[in-house]
PDB file of N, CA and C in Angstrom:
ATOM      1  N   MET A   1      63.362  17.725-238.876  1.00  0.00           N
ATOM      2  CA  MET A   1      63.572  18.514-240.030  1.00  0.00           C
ATOM      3  C   MET A   1      62.293  19.136-240.326  1.00  0.00           C
ATOM      4  N   VAL A   2      61.103  18.376-240.474  1.00  0.00           N
ATOM      5  CA  VAL A   2      59.775  18.753-240.849  1.00  0.00           C
ATOM      6  C   VAL A   2      59.349  19.578-239.682  1.00  0.00           C
ATOM      7  N   LYS A   3      59.578  19.226-238.433  1.00  0.00           N
ATOM      8  CA  LYS A   3      58.961  19.928-237.294  1.00  0.00           C
ATOM      9  C   LYS A   3      59.727  21.366-237.169  1.00  0.00           C
ATOM     10  N   THR A   4      60.883  21.308-237.469  1.00  0.00           N
ATOM     11  CA  THR A   4      61.671  22.815-237.406  1.00  0.00           C
ATOM     12  C   THR A   4      61.130  23.682-238.562  1.00  0.00           C
ATOM     13  N   SER A   5      60.963  23.127-239.729  1.00  0.00           N
ATOM     14  CA  SER A   5      60.363  23.832-240.805  1.00  0.00           C
ATOM     15  C   SER A   5      59.127  24.309-240.753  1.00  0.00           C
ATOM     16  N   LEU A   6      58.221  23.472-240.250  1.00  0.00           N
ATOM     17  CA  LEU A   6      56.910  23.984-239.874  1.00  0.00           C
ATOM     18  C   LEU A   6      56.896  25.097-238.724  1.00  0.00           C
ATOM     19  N   LEU A   7      57.501  24.919-237.709  1.00  0.00           N
ATOM     20  CA  LEU A   7      57.644  25.875-236.640  1.00  0.00           C
ATOM     21  C   LEU A   7      58.061  27.245-237.301  1.00  0.00           C
ATOM     22  N   THR A   8      58.883  27.216-238.139  1.00  0.00           N
ATOM     23  CA  THR A   8      59.446  28.439-238.827  1.00  0.00           C
ATOM     24  C   THR A   8      58.396  29.111-239.591  1.00  0.00           C
ATOM     25  N   GLN A   9      57.663  28.108-240.424  1.00  0.00           N
ATOM     26  CA  GLN A   9      56.602  28.844-241.238  1.00  0.00           C
ATOM     27  C   GLN A   9      55.519  29.232-240.296  1.00  0.00           C
ATOM     28  N   ILE A  10      55.143  28.518-239.281  1.00  0.00           N
ATOM     29  CA  ILE A  10      54.106  29.207-238.174  1.00  0.00           C
ATOM     30  C   ILE A  10      54.543  30.522-237.707  1.00  0.00           C
ATOM     31  N   GLU A  11      55.776  30.629-237.294  1.00  0.00           N
ATOM     32  CA  GLU A  11      56.233  31.837-236.683  1.00  0.00           C
ATOM     33  C   GLU A  11      56.109  32.886-237.682  1.00  0.00           C
ATOM     34  N   GLU A  12      56.552  32.688-238.885  1.00  0.00           N
ATOM     35  CA  GLU A  12      56.649  33.795-239.951  1.00  0.00           C
ATOM     36  C   GLU A  12      55.133  34.053-240.255  1.00  0.00           C
ATOM     37  N   LYS A  13      54.244  33.246-240.369  1.00  0.00           N
ATOM     38  CA  LYS A  13      52.774  33.401-240.831  1.00  0.00           C
ATOM     39  C   LYS A  13      52.079  34.101-239.651  1.00  0.00           C
ATOM     40  N   ARG A  14      52.615  33.838-238.412  1.00  0.00           N
ATOM     41  CA  ARG A  14      51.988  34.632-237.165  1.00  0.00           C
ATOM     42  C   ARG A  14      52.461  36.095-237.272  1.00  0.00           C
ATOM     43  N   GLU A  15      53.651  36.318-237.535  1.00  0.00           N
ATOM     44  CA  GLU A  15      54.201  37.698-237.743  1.00  0.00           C
ATOM     45  C   GLU A  15      53.551  38.506-238.800  1.00  0.00           C
ATOM     46  N   GLU A  16      53.351  37.868-239.894  1.00  0.00           N
ATOM     47  CA  GLU A  16      52.662  38.296-240.971  1.00  0.00           C
ATOM     48  C   GLU A  16      51.231  38.786-240.769  1.00  0.00           C
ATOM     49  N   LEU A  17      50.600  37.740-240.167  1.00  0.00           N
ATOM     50  CA  LEU A  17      49.174  37.932-239.736  1.00  0.00           C
ATOM     51  C   LEU A  17      49.095  39.049-238.761  1.00  0.00           C
ATOM     52  N   MET A  18      49.917  39.327-237.829  1.00  0.00           N
ATOM     53  CA  MET A  18      49.884  40.532-237.059  1.00  0.00           C
ATOM     54  C   MET A  18      49.900  41.795-237.730  1.00  0.00           C
ATOM     55  N   LYS A  19      50.954  41.793-238.692  1.00  0.00           N
ATOM     56  CA  LYS A  19      50.913  43.116-239.546  1.00  0.00           C
ATOM     57  C   LYS A  19      49.645  43.362-240.285  1.00  0.00           C
ATOM     58  N   VAL A  20      49.135  42.235-241.001  1.00  0.00           N
ATOM     59  CA  VAL A  20      47.944  42.403-241.702  1.00  0.00           C
ATOM     60  C   VAL A  20      46.861  42.775-240.941  1.00  0.00           C
ATOM     61  N   VAL A  21      46.716  42.334-239.636  1.00  0.00           N
ATOM     62  CA  VAL A  21      45.760  42.612-238.724  1.00  0.00           C
ATOM     63  C   VAL A  21      45.801  44.179-238.379  1.00  0.00           C
ATOM     64  N   MET A  22      47.031  44.800-238.161  1.00  0.00           N
ATOM     65  CA  MET A  22      47.249  46.129-237.832  1.00  0.00           C
ATOM     66  C   MET A  22      46.857  46.920-239.017  1.00  0.00           C
ATOM     67  N   HIS A  23      47.067  46.463-240.285  1.00  0.00           N
ATOM     68  CA  HIS A  23      46.953  47.417-241.431  1.00  0.00           C
ATOM     69  C   HIS A  23      45.326  47.235-241.910  1.00  0.00           C
ATOM     70  N   ASN A  24      44.749  46.059-241.755  1.00  0.00           N
ATOM     71  CA  ASN A  24      43.564  45.784-242.485  1.00  0.00           C
ATOM     72  C   ASN A  24      42.414  45.728-241.405  1.00  0.00           C
ATOM     73  N   GLY A  25      42.733  45.487-240.077  1.00  0.00           N
ATOM     74  CA  GLY A  25      41.707  45.109-239.270  1.00  0.00           C
ATOM     75  C   GLY A  25      41.555  43.518-239.163  1.00  0.00           C
ATOM     76  N   MET A  26      40.599  43.214-237.886  1.00  0.00           N
ATOM     77  CA  MET A  26      40.378  41.927-237.814  1.00  0.00           C
ATOM     78  C   MET A  26      39.439  41.295-238.699  1.00  0.00           C
ATOM     79  N   THR A  27      38.557  41.850-239.357  1.00  0.00           N
ATOM     80  CA  THR A  27      37.543  41.327-240.067  1.00  0.00           C
ATOM     81  C   THR A  27      37.810  41.419-241.612  1.00  0.00           C
ATOM     82  N   SER A  28      38.800  41.913-241.968  1.00  0.00           N
ATOM     83  CA  SER A  28      39.028  42.008-243.420  1.00  0.00           C
ATOM     84  C   SER A  28      39.266  40.613-244.124  1.00  0.00           C
ATOM     85  N   THR A  29      38.964  40.554-245.489  1.00  0.00           N
ATOM     86  CA  THR A  29      39.285  39.442-246.055  1.00  0.00           C
ATOM     87  C   THR A  29      40.626  39.042-246.177  1.00  0.00           C
ATOM     88  N   VAL A  30      41.464  39.869-246.302  1.00  0.00           N
ATOM     89  CA  VAL A  30      43.039  39.634-246.388  1.00  0.00           C
ATOM     90  C   VAL A  30      43.467  39.000-244.927  1.00  0.00           C
ATOM     91  N   THR A  31      42.747  39.476-243.946  1.00  0.00           N
ATOM     92  CA  THR A  31      43.225  38.954-242.569  1.00  0.00           C
ATOM     93  C   THR A  31      42.808  37.578-242.451  1.00  0.00           C
ATOM     94  N   ILE A  32      41.379  37.303-242.760  1.00  0.00           N
ATOM     95  CA  ILE A  32      40.825  36.011-242.730  1.00  0.00           C
ATOM     96  C   ILE A  32      41.720  34.980-243.511  1.00  0.00           C
ATOM     97  N   GLU A  33      42.155  35.323-244.742  1.00  0.00           N
ATOM     98  CA  GLU A  33      42.856  34.461-245.608  1.00  0.00           C
ATOM     99  C   GLU A  33      44.282  34.004-244.879  1.00  0.00           C
ATOM    100  N   HIS A  34      44.808  35.138-244.303  1.00  0.00           N
ATOM    101  CA  HIS A  34      46.035  34.758-243.512  1.00  0.00           C
ATOM    102  C   HIS A  34      45.922  33.977-242.318  1.00  0.00           C
ATOM    103  N   SER A  35      44.901  34.171-241.626  1.00  0.00           N
ATOM    104  CA  SER A  35      44.442  33.377-240.515  1.00  0.00           C
ATOM    105  C   SER A  35      44.141  32.093-240.826  1.00  0.00           C
ATOM    106  N   GLN A  36      43.559  31.764-241.969  1.00  0.00           N
ATOM    107  CA  GLN A  36      43.136  30.417-242.540  1.00  0.00           C
ATOM    108  C   GLN A  36      44.595  29.828-242.873  1.00  0.00           C
ATOM    109  N   GLN A  37      45.596  30.496-243.455  1.00  0.00           N
ATOM    110  CA  GLN A  37      46.768  29.750-243.692  1.00  0.00           C
ATOM    111  C   GLN A  37      47.479  29.504-242.481  1.00  0.00           C
ATOM    112  N   LEU A  38      47.467  30.254-241.429  1.00  0.00           N
ATOM    113  CA  LEU A  38      48.158  29.819-240.132  1.00  0.00           C
ATOM    114  C   LEU A  38      47.491  28.661-239.597  1.00  0.00           C
ATOM    115  N   ASP A  39      46.002  28.592-239.626  1.00  0.00           N
ATOM    116  CA  ASP A  39      45.483  27.532-239.039  1.00  0.00           C
ATOM    117  C   ASP A  39      45.775  26.139-239.862  1.00  0.00           C
ATOM    118  N   HIS A  40      46.036  26.376-241.065  1.00  0.00           N
ATOM    119  CA  HIS A  40      46.398  25.155-242.002  1.00  0.00           C
ATOM    120  C   HIS A  40      47.842  24.541-241.486  1.00  0.00           C
ATOM    121  N   LEU A  41      48.709  25.555-241.289  1.00  0.00           N
ATOM    122  CA  LEU A  41      50.124  25.221-240.864  1.00  0.00           C
ATOM    123  C   LEU A  41      49.951  24.708-239.468  1.00  0.00           C
ATOM    124  N   LEU A  42      49.165  25.168-238.468  1.00  0.00           N
ATOM    125  CA  LEU A  42      49.134  24.675-237.219  1.00  0.00           C
ATOM    126  C   LEU A  42      48.470  23.078-237.234  1.00  0.00           C
ATOM    127  N   LEU A  43      47.551  22.887-238.238  1.00  0.00           N
ATOM    128  CA  LEU A  43      47.006  21.584-238.298  1.00  0.00           C
ATOM    129  C   LEU A  43      48.118  20.632-238.835  1.00  0.00           C
ATOM    130  N   GLN A  44      48.761  21.033-239.793  1.00  0.00           N
ATOM    131  CA  GLN A  44      49.868  20.268-240.408  1.00  0.00           C
ATOM    132  C   GLN A  44      50.823  19.836-239.077  1.00  0.00           C
ATOM    133  N   TYR A  45      51.155  20.813-238.406  1.00  0.00           N
ATOM    134  CA  TYR A  45      52.174  20.492-237.327  1.00  0.00           C
ATOM    135  C   TYR A  45      51.498  19.693-236.152  1.00  0.00           C
ATOM    136  N   GLN A  46      50.214  19.714-235.849  1.00  0.00           N
ATOM    137  CA  GLN A  46      49.554  18.894-234.895  1.00  0.00           C
ATOM    138  C   GLN A  46      49.619  17.391-235.472  1.00  0.00           C
ATOM    139  N   ARG A  47      49.098  17.269-236.738  1.00  0.00           N
ATOM    140  CA  ARG A  47      49.203  16.043-237.500  1.00  0.00           C
ATOM    141  C   ARG A  47      50.658  15.264-237.410  1.00  0.00           C
ATOM    142  N   HIS A  48      51.561  16.170-237.723  1.00  0.00           N
ATOM    143  CA  HIS A  48      53.031  15.806-237.620  1.00  0.00           C
ATOM    144  C   HIS A  48      53.318  15.272-236.146  1.00  0.00           C
ATOM    145  N   LEU A  49      53.049  15.958-235.231  1.00  0.00           N
ATOM    146  CA  LEU A  49      53.134  15.410-233.796  1.00  0.00           C
ATOM    147  C   LEU A  49      52.494  14.169-233.530  1.00  0.00           C
ATOM    148  N   HIS A  50      51.262  14.134-233.848  1.00  0.00           N
ATOM    149  CA  HIS A  50      50.406  12.963-233.596  1.00  0.00           C
ATOM    150  C   HIS A  50      50.912  11.678-234.396  1.00  0.00           C
ATOM    151  N   SER A  51      51.311  11.789-235.538  1.00  0.00           N
ATOM    152  CA  SER A  51      51.730  10.780-236.225  1.00  0.00           C
ATOM    153  C   SER A  51      53.148  10.137-235.695  1.00  0.00           C
ATOM    154  N   ASN A  52      54.037  11.113-235.180  1.00  0.00           N
ATOM    155  CA  ASN A  52      55.225  10.745-234.546  1.00  0.00           C
ATOM    156  C   ASN A  52      55.050  10.075-233.231  1.00  0.00           C
ATOM    157  N   SER A  53      54.078  10.482-232.389  1.00  0.00           N
ATOM    158  CA  SER A  53      53.737   9.993-231.181  1.00  0.00           C
ATOM    159  C   SER A  53      53.087   8.679-231.253  1.00  0.00           C
ATOM    160  N   ALA A  54      52.442   8.340-232.340  1.00  0.00           N
ATOM    161  CA  ALA A  54      51.815   6.937-232.644  1.00  0.00           C
ATOM    162  C   ALA A  54      52.784   5.893-233.029  1.00  0.00           C
ATOM    163  N   ASN A  55      54.095   6.397-233.474  1.00  0.00           N
ATOM    164  CA  ASN A  55      55.188   5.393-233.707  1.00  0.00           C
ATOM    165  C   ASN A  55      55.853   4.741-232.622  1.00  0.00           C
TER     166      ASN A  55
END
């Protein structure tokens, strides 16, 4: 359940980031904030995978 939810959030954030990049450019503050949010989701997903593989 957590894995599916995280994957959905990651895909949604990735799509949102692409729209923000197209509208604001790669170096805008808004783009960087969205990129950092995506990074956070990816890190959560990796931690989830790692914790499940350790069990």
